[in-house]
């Protein structure tokens, strides 16, 4: 199992869509920045070789008014692939994604990857 804590508040889908509507270049910059952040958090970890995997996102959220369905894992998955930990983020390699909400005093996400069993 791989466990990584990313101490960063990722943009919600609603905020990201708002940026896309405002300026596609800004939205693309946010996507690239978030993807690169994740890539560097995962670099150096062992590559997954036993597929498919299940991935659990534990969203530590400060604001109780936040929507759990608005949490965006796309940039996280893309960053994990860019780091070389996962071959791809298609259903051939990931068969389960779970989102868990944890009330907290700060916003961050814990990513747990369990290799195929």
Foldseek 3Di string as FASTA:
>chain_A
DDKFKFQDAQDFQVRLVVCCVVPVVVSVVSLVVLLQSLLVRCAPPAAADADAKEKEKEWADADPVDDQVRDDCVSNQNSCCVSRNFVHDDCRRYVYYHYHYDYDNGTIIMMDIDGDD
